[in-house]
Amino acid sequence: MNSETTTNTPKRIKLPRLLLVLLYDSFAIVGLLFLVGIIMLLARSGEATAAGDWWFRGYLLFSVYLYYAWCWNRGGQTLGLKSWKAKVVTMQGHSLDWKTALWRFLGSLLSWLPLGLGYWWILFDKEGLSWHDRLSGSQIILVPKEKKPKEEEKS
């Protein structure tokens, strides 16, 4: 590998920053779930859904998927990713399409199931990838700092 290749390779996010991204995103998700819950309540004329209603759970899960997929498809950044200067891209560095976003979302659900083992896997993976990174062919990279142009000296 030459030095040009190593300098152009984006840095992947590390676990501590990823956990902070997930914390920030959880605030957005809670707000989203309140909003879509209110919409459902209004659509049902104020009548609550039955406890354990699978259709309602699916509606909530689909709403969360739409939030993530839309953000990943439109620049690769959720609220948490933007705050921590990271973004989701394919292994080739492109924005995710809807199909890849679906695979990433489903894979992330799988990563949560065994006590978040799919996320902790980043610590053991040679390339620092989670289960859902590998499943979807995507990754979270750090956004390089923008170089600010120096002001021209006035004489």
C-alpha atoms as a PDB file:
ATOM      1  CA  MET A   1       0.000   0.000   0.000  1.00  0.00           C
ATOM      2  CA  ASN A   2       1.292   3.410  -0.827  1.00  0.00           C
ATOM      3  CA  SER A   3       0.907   6.476   1.355  1.00  0.00           C
ATOM      4  CA  GLU A   4      -1.782   7.928  -0.911  1.00  0.00           C
ATOM      5  CA  THR A   5      -4.042   4.930  -0.246  1.00  0.00           C
ATOM      6  CA  THR A   6      -3.645   5.136   3.507  1.00  0.00           C
ATOM      7  CA  THR A   7      -4.370   8.861   3.678  1.00  0.00           C
ATOM      8  CA  ASN A   8      -7.561   8.524   1.579  1.00  0.00           C
ATOM      9  CA  THR A   9      -8.918   5.603   3.605  1.00  0.00           C
ATOM     10  CA  PRO A  10     -11.691   6.878   5.875  1.00  0.00           C
ATOM     11  CA  LYS A  11     -11.406   6.158   9.580  1.00  0.00           C
ATOM     12  CA  ARG A  12     -14.108   3.940  11.017  1.00  0.00           C
ATOM     13  CA  ILE A  13     -15.954   4.925  14.148  1.00  0.00           C
ATOM     14  CA  LYS A  14     -14.784   3.387  17.434  1.00  0.00           C
ATOM     15  CA  LEU A  15     -17.118   1.815  19.989  1.00  0.00           C
ATOM     16  CA  PRO A  16     -17.174   4.668  22.571  1.00  0.00           C
ATOM     17  CA  ARG A  17     -18.245   7.207  19.941  1.00  0.00           C
ATOM     18  CA  LEU A  18     -20.740   4.720  18.495  1.00  0.00           C
ATOM     19  CA  LEU A  19     -22.354   4.324  21.913  1.00  0.00           C
ATOM     20  CA  LEU A  20     -22.708   8.109  22.155  1.00  0.00           C
ATOM     21  CA  VAL A  21     -24.254   8.180  18.665  1.00  0.00           C
ATOM     22  CA  LEU A  22     -26.754   5.535  19.786  1.00  0.00           C
ATOM     23  CA  LEU A  23     -27.583   7.567  22.897  1.00  0.00           C
ATOM     24  CA  TYR A  24     -28.224  10.716  20.837  1.00  0.00           C
ATOM     25  CA  ASP A  25     -30.284   8.765  18.310  1.00  0.00           C
ATOM     26  CA  SER A  26     -32.369   7.272  21.114  1.00  0.00           C
ATOM     27  CA  PHE A  27     -33.628  10.773  21.966  1.00  0.00           C
ATOM     28  CA  ALA A  28     -34.733  11.280  18.367  1.00  0.00           C
ATOM     29  CA  ILE A  29     -36.378   7.843  18.296  1.00  0.00           C
ATOM     30  CA  VAL A  30     -38.334   8.496  21.508  1.00  0.00           C
ATOM     31  CA  GLY A  31     -39.631  11.745  20.006  1.00  0.00           C
ATOM     32  CA  LEU A  32     -40.524   9.970  16.772  1.00  0.00           C
ATOM     33  CA  LEU A  33     -42.389   7.218  18.629  1.00  0.00           C
ATOM     34  CA  PHE A  34     -44.394   9.810  20.561  1.00  0.00           C
ATOM     35  CA  LEU A  35     -45.294  11.549  17.300  1.00  0.00           C
ATOM     36  CA  VAL A  36     -46.367   8.423  15.415  1.00  0.00           C
ATOM     37  CA  GLY A  37     -48.207   7.196  18.519  1.00  0.00           C
ATOM     38  CA  ILE A  38     -50.189  10.436  18.637  1.00  0.00           C
ATOM     39  CA  ILE A  39     -50.923  10.147  14.910  1.00  0.00           C
ATOM     40  CA  MET A  40     -52.281   6.626  15.460  1.00  0.00           C
ATOM     41  CA  LEU A  41     -54.323   7.784  18.442  1.00  0.00           C
ATOM     42  CA  LEU A  42     -55.853  10.597  16.370  1.00  0.00           C
ATOM     43  CA  ALA A  43     -56.542   8.210  13.482  1.00  0.00           C
ATOM     44  CA  ARG A  44     -58.415   5.929  15.906  1.00  0.00           C
ATOM     45  CA  SER A  45     -60.478   8.861  17.290  1.00  0.00           C
ATOM     46  CA  GLY A  46     -58.746   8.691  20.646  1.00  0.00           C
ATOM     47  CA  GLU A  47     -59.219   4.956  21.136  1.00  0.00           C
ATOM     48  CA  ALA A  48     -56.058   3.218  22.346  1.00  0.00           C
ATOM     49  CA  THR A  49     -54.777   0.065  20.678  1.00  0.00           C
ATOM     50  CA  ALA A  50     -55.048  -3.220  22.533  1.00  0.00           C
ATOM     51  CA  ALA A  51     -52.077  -4.229  24.660  1.00  0.00           C
ATOM     52  CA  GLY A  52     -49.688  -6.352  22.619  1.00  0.00           C
ATOM     53  CA  ASP A  53     -51.199  -5.314  19.283  1.00  0.00           C
ATOM     54  CA  TRP A  54     -48.712  -6.649  16.704  1.00  0.00           C
ATOM     55  CA  TRP A  55     -49.952  -4.311  13.979  1.00  0.00           C
ATOM     56  CA  PHE A  56     -49.200  -1.304  16.172  1.00  0.00           C
ATOM     57  CA  ARG A  57     -45.764  -2.672  17.056  1.00  0.00           C
ATOM     58  CA  GLY A  58     -45.068  -3.201  13.358  1.00  0.00           C
ATOM     59  CA  TYR A  59     -46.218   0.368  12.646  1.00  0.00           C
ATOM     60  CA  LEU A  60     -43.790   1.700  15.274  1.00  0.00           C
ATOM     61  CA  LEU A  61     -40.926  -0.458  13.996  1.00  0.00           C
ATOM     62  CA  PHE A  62     -41.608   0.589  10.395  1.00  0.00           C
ATOM     63  CA  SER A  63     -41.595   4.247  11.495  1.00  0.00           C
ATOM     64  CA  VAL A  64     -38.169   3.784  13.100  1.00  0.00           C
ATOM     65  CA  TYR A  65     -36.913   2.051   9.943  1.00  0.00           C
ATOM     66  CA  LEU A  66     -38.154   4.957   7.798  1.00  0.00           C
ATOM     67  CA  TYR A  67     -36.310   7.464  10.008  1.00  0.00           C
ATOM     68  CA  TYR A  68     -33.012   5.600   9.771  1.00  0.00           C
ATOM     69  CA  ALA A  69     -33.331   4.652   6.091  1.00  0.00           C
ATOM     70  CA  TRP A  70     -34.278   8.183   5.067  1.00  0.00           C
ATOM     71  CA  CYS A  71     -31.312   9.647   6.986  1.00  0.00           C
ATOM     72  CA  TRP A  72     -28.878   7.056   5.637  1.00  0.00           C
ATOM     73  CA  ASN A  73     -30.188   7.539   2.106  1.00  0.00           C
ATOM     74  CA  ARG A  74     -29.985  11.354   2.312  1.00  0.00           C
ATOM     75  CA  GLY A  75     -26.367  11.945   3.246  1.00  0.00           C
ATOM     76  CA  GLY A  76     -25.770   9.091   5.671  1.00  0.00           C
ATOM     77  CA  GLN A  77     -26.327  11.002   8.909  1.00  0.00           C
ATOM     78  CA  THR A  78     -28.887  10.656  11.667  1.00  0.00           C
ATOM     79  CA  LEU A  79     -29.059  13.228  14.446  1.00  0.00           C
ATOM     80  CA  GLY A  80     -26.514  11.263  16.488  1.00  0.00           C
ATOM     81  CA  LEU A  81     -24.146  10.687  13.571  1.00  0.00           C
ATOM     82  CA  LYS A  82     -24.244  14.349  12.619  1.00  0.00           C
ATOM     83  CA  SER A  83     -23.552  15.428  16.213  1.00  0.00           C
ATOM     84  CA  TRP A  84     -20.560  13.092  16.501  1.00  0.00           C
ATOM     85  CA  LYS A  85     -19.259  13.859  13.002  1.00  0.00           C
ATOM     86  CA  ALA A  86     -19.733  10.440  11.462  1.00  0.00           C
ATOM     87  CA  LYS A  87     -21.828   8.971   8.659  1.00  0.00           C
ATOM     88  CA  VAL A  88     -22.975   5.654   7.239  1.00  0.00           C
ATOM     89  CA  VAL A  89     -21.668   4.721   3.795  1.00  0.00           C
ATOM     90  CA  THR A  90     -21.265   1.590   1.720  1.00  0.00           C
ATOM     91  CA  MET A  91     -17.870  -0.098   1.722  1.00  0.00           C
ATOM     92  CA  GLN A  92     -17.217   1.821  -1.521  1.00  0.00           C
ATOM     93  CA  GLY A  93     -18.003   5.148   0.192  1.00  0.00           C
ATOM     94  CA  HIS A  94     -21.451   5.803  -1.337  1.00  0.00           C
ATOM     95  CA  SER A  95     -24.739   6.679   0.344  1.00  0.00           C
ATOM     96  CA  LEU A  96     -26.958   3.740   1.192  1.00  0.00           C
ATOM     97  CA  ASP A  97     -29.837   2.838  -1.091  1.00  0.00           C
ATOM     98  CA  TRP A  98     -33.150   1.714   0.422  1.00  0.00           C
ATOM     99  CA  LYS A  99     -32.363  -1.998   0.103  1.00  0.00           C
ATOM    100  CA  THR A 100     -28.981  -1.647   1.834  1.00  0.00           C
ATOM    101  CA  ALA A 101     -30.612   0.507   4.516  1.00  0.00           C
ATOM    102  CA  LEU A 102     -33.165  -2.256   5.119  1.00  0.00           C
ATOM    103  CA  TRP A 103     -30.416  -4.862   5.501  1.00  0.00           C
ATOM    104  CA  ARG A 104     -28.516  -2.566   7.864  1.00  0.00           C
ATOM    105  CA  PHE A 105     -31.633  -1.904   9.951  1.00  0.00           C
ATOM    106  CA  LEU A 106     -32.580  -5.586  10.192  1.00  0.00           C
ATOM    107  CA  GLY A 107     -28.970  -6.473  10.965  1.00  0.00           C
ATOM    108  CA  SER A 108     -28.834  -3.867  13.717  1.00  0.00           C
ATOM    109  CA  LEU A 109     -31.911  -5.437  15.326  1.00  0.00           C
ATOM    110  CA  LEU A 110     -30.079  -8.758  15.213  1.00  0.00           C
ATOM    111  CA  SER A 111     -26.997  -7.115  16.728  1.00  0.00           C
ATOM    112  CA  TRP A 112     -29.081  -5.938  19.724  1.00  0.00           C
ATOM    113  CA  LEU A 113     -30.691  -9.291  20.487  1.00  0.00           C
ATOM    114  CA  PRO A 114     -27.858 -11.079  22.332  1.00  0.00           C
ATOM    115  CA  LEU A 115     -27.162  -8.189  24.768  1.00  0.00           C
ATOM    116  CA  GLY A 116     -25.747  -5.997  22.014  1.00  0.00           C
ATOM    117  CA  LEU A 117     -23.071  -8.530  21.062  1.00  0.00           C
ATOM    118  CA  GLY A 118     -23.211  -7.419  17.431  1.00  0.00           C
ATOM    119  CA  TYR A 119     -22.095  -3.950  18.520  1.00  0.00           C
ATOM    120  CA  TRP A 120     -19.459  -5.204  20.967  1.00  0.00           C
ATOM    121  CA  TRP A 121     -18.095  -7.272  18.074  1.00  0.00           C
ATOM    122  CA  ILE A 122     -16.359  -4.094  16.860  1.00  0.00           C
ATOM    123  CA  LEU A 123     -13.774  -4.640  19.604  1.00  0.00           C
ATOM    124  CA  PHE A 124     -12.821  -8.079  18.248  1.00  0.00           C
ATOM    125  CA  ASP A 125     -13.213  -7.613  14.506  1.00  0.00           C
ATOM    126  CA  LYS A 126      -9.919  -7.005  12.666  1.00  0.00           C
ATOM    127  CA  GLU A 127     -11.539  -4.252  10.591  1.00  0.00           C
ATOM    128  CA  GLY A 128     -13.627  -2.807  13.436  1.00  0.00           C
ATOM    129  CA  LEU A 129     -16.952  -3.798  11.863  1.00  0.00           C
ATOM    130  CA  SER A 130     -20.185  -4.776  13.612  1.00  0.00           C
ATOM    131  CA  TRP A 131     -22.429  -7.641  12.556  1.00  0.00           C
ATOM    132  CA  HIS A 132     -24.808  -5.316  10.720  1.00  0.00           C
ATOM    133  CA  ASP A 133     -21.887  -3.578   8.974  1.00  0.00           C
ATOM    134  CA  ARG A 134     -20.864  -6.939   7.543  1.00  0.00           C
ATOM    135  CA  LEU A 135     -24.417  -8.064   6.770  1.00  0.00           C
ATOM    136  CA  SER A 136     -25.299  -4.875   4.882  1.00  0.00           C
ATOM    137  CA  GLY A 137     -21.920  -4.104   3.308  1.00  0.00           C
ATOM    138  CA  SER A 138     -21.893  -0.691   4.971  1.00  0.00           C
ATOM    139  CA  GLN A 139     -19.849   1.057   7.639  1.00  0.00           C
ATOM    140  CA  ILE A 140     -19.807   4.111   9.869  1.00  0.00           C
ATOM    141  CA  ILE A 141     -16.905   6.421   9.134  1.00  0.00           C
ATOM    142  CA  LEU A 142     -15.720   9.656  10.664  1.00  0.00           C
ATOM    143  CA  VAL A 143     -16.425  12.749   8.629  1.00  0.00           C
ATOM    144  CA  PRO A 144     -13.133  14.517   7.918  1.00  0.00           C
ATOM    145  CA  LYS A 145     -12.834  18.025   9.265  1.00  0.00           C
ATOM    146  CA  GLU A 146     -13.346  20.688   6.654  1.00  0.00           C
ATOM    147  CA  LYS A 147     -10.281  22.747   6.006  1.00  0.00           C
ATOM    148  CA  LYS A 148     -11.088  26.400   6.532  1.00  0.00           C
ATOM    149  CA  PRO A 149      -9.489  28.711   3.989  1.00  0.00           C
ATOM    150  CA  LYS A 150      -6.995  31.070   5.565  1.00  0.00           C
ATOM    151  CA  GLU A 151      -7.867  34.731   5.383  1.00  0.00           C
ATOM    152  CA  GLU A 152      -5.766  36.646   2.973  1.00  0.00           C
ATOM    153  CA  GLU A 153      -3.575  39.142   4.720  1.00  0.00           C
ATOM    154  CA  LYS A 154      -4.623  42.714   4.138  1.00  0.00           C
ATOM    155  CA  SER A 155      -1.877  45.200   3.481  1.00  0.00           C
END
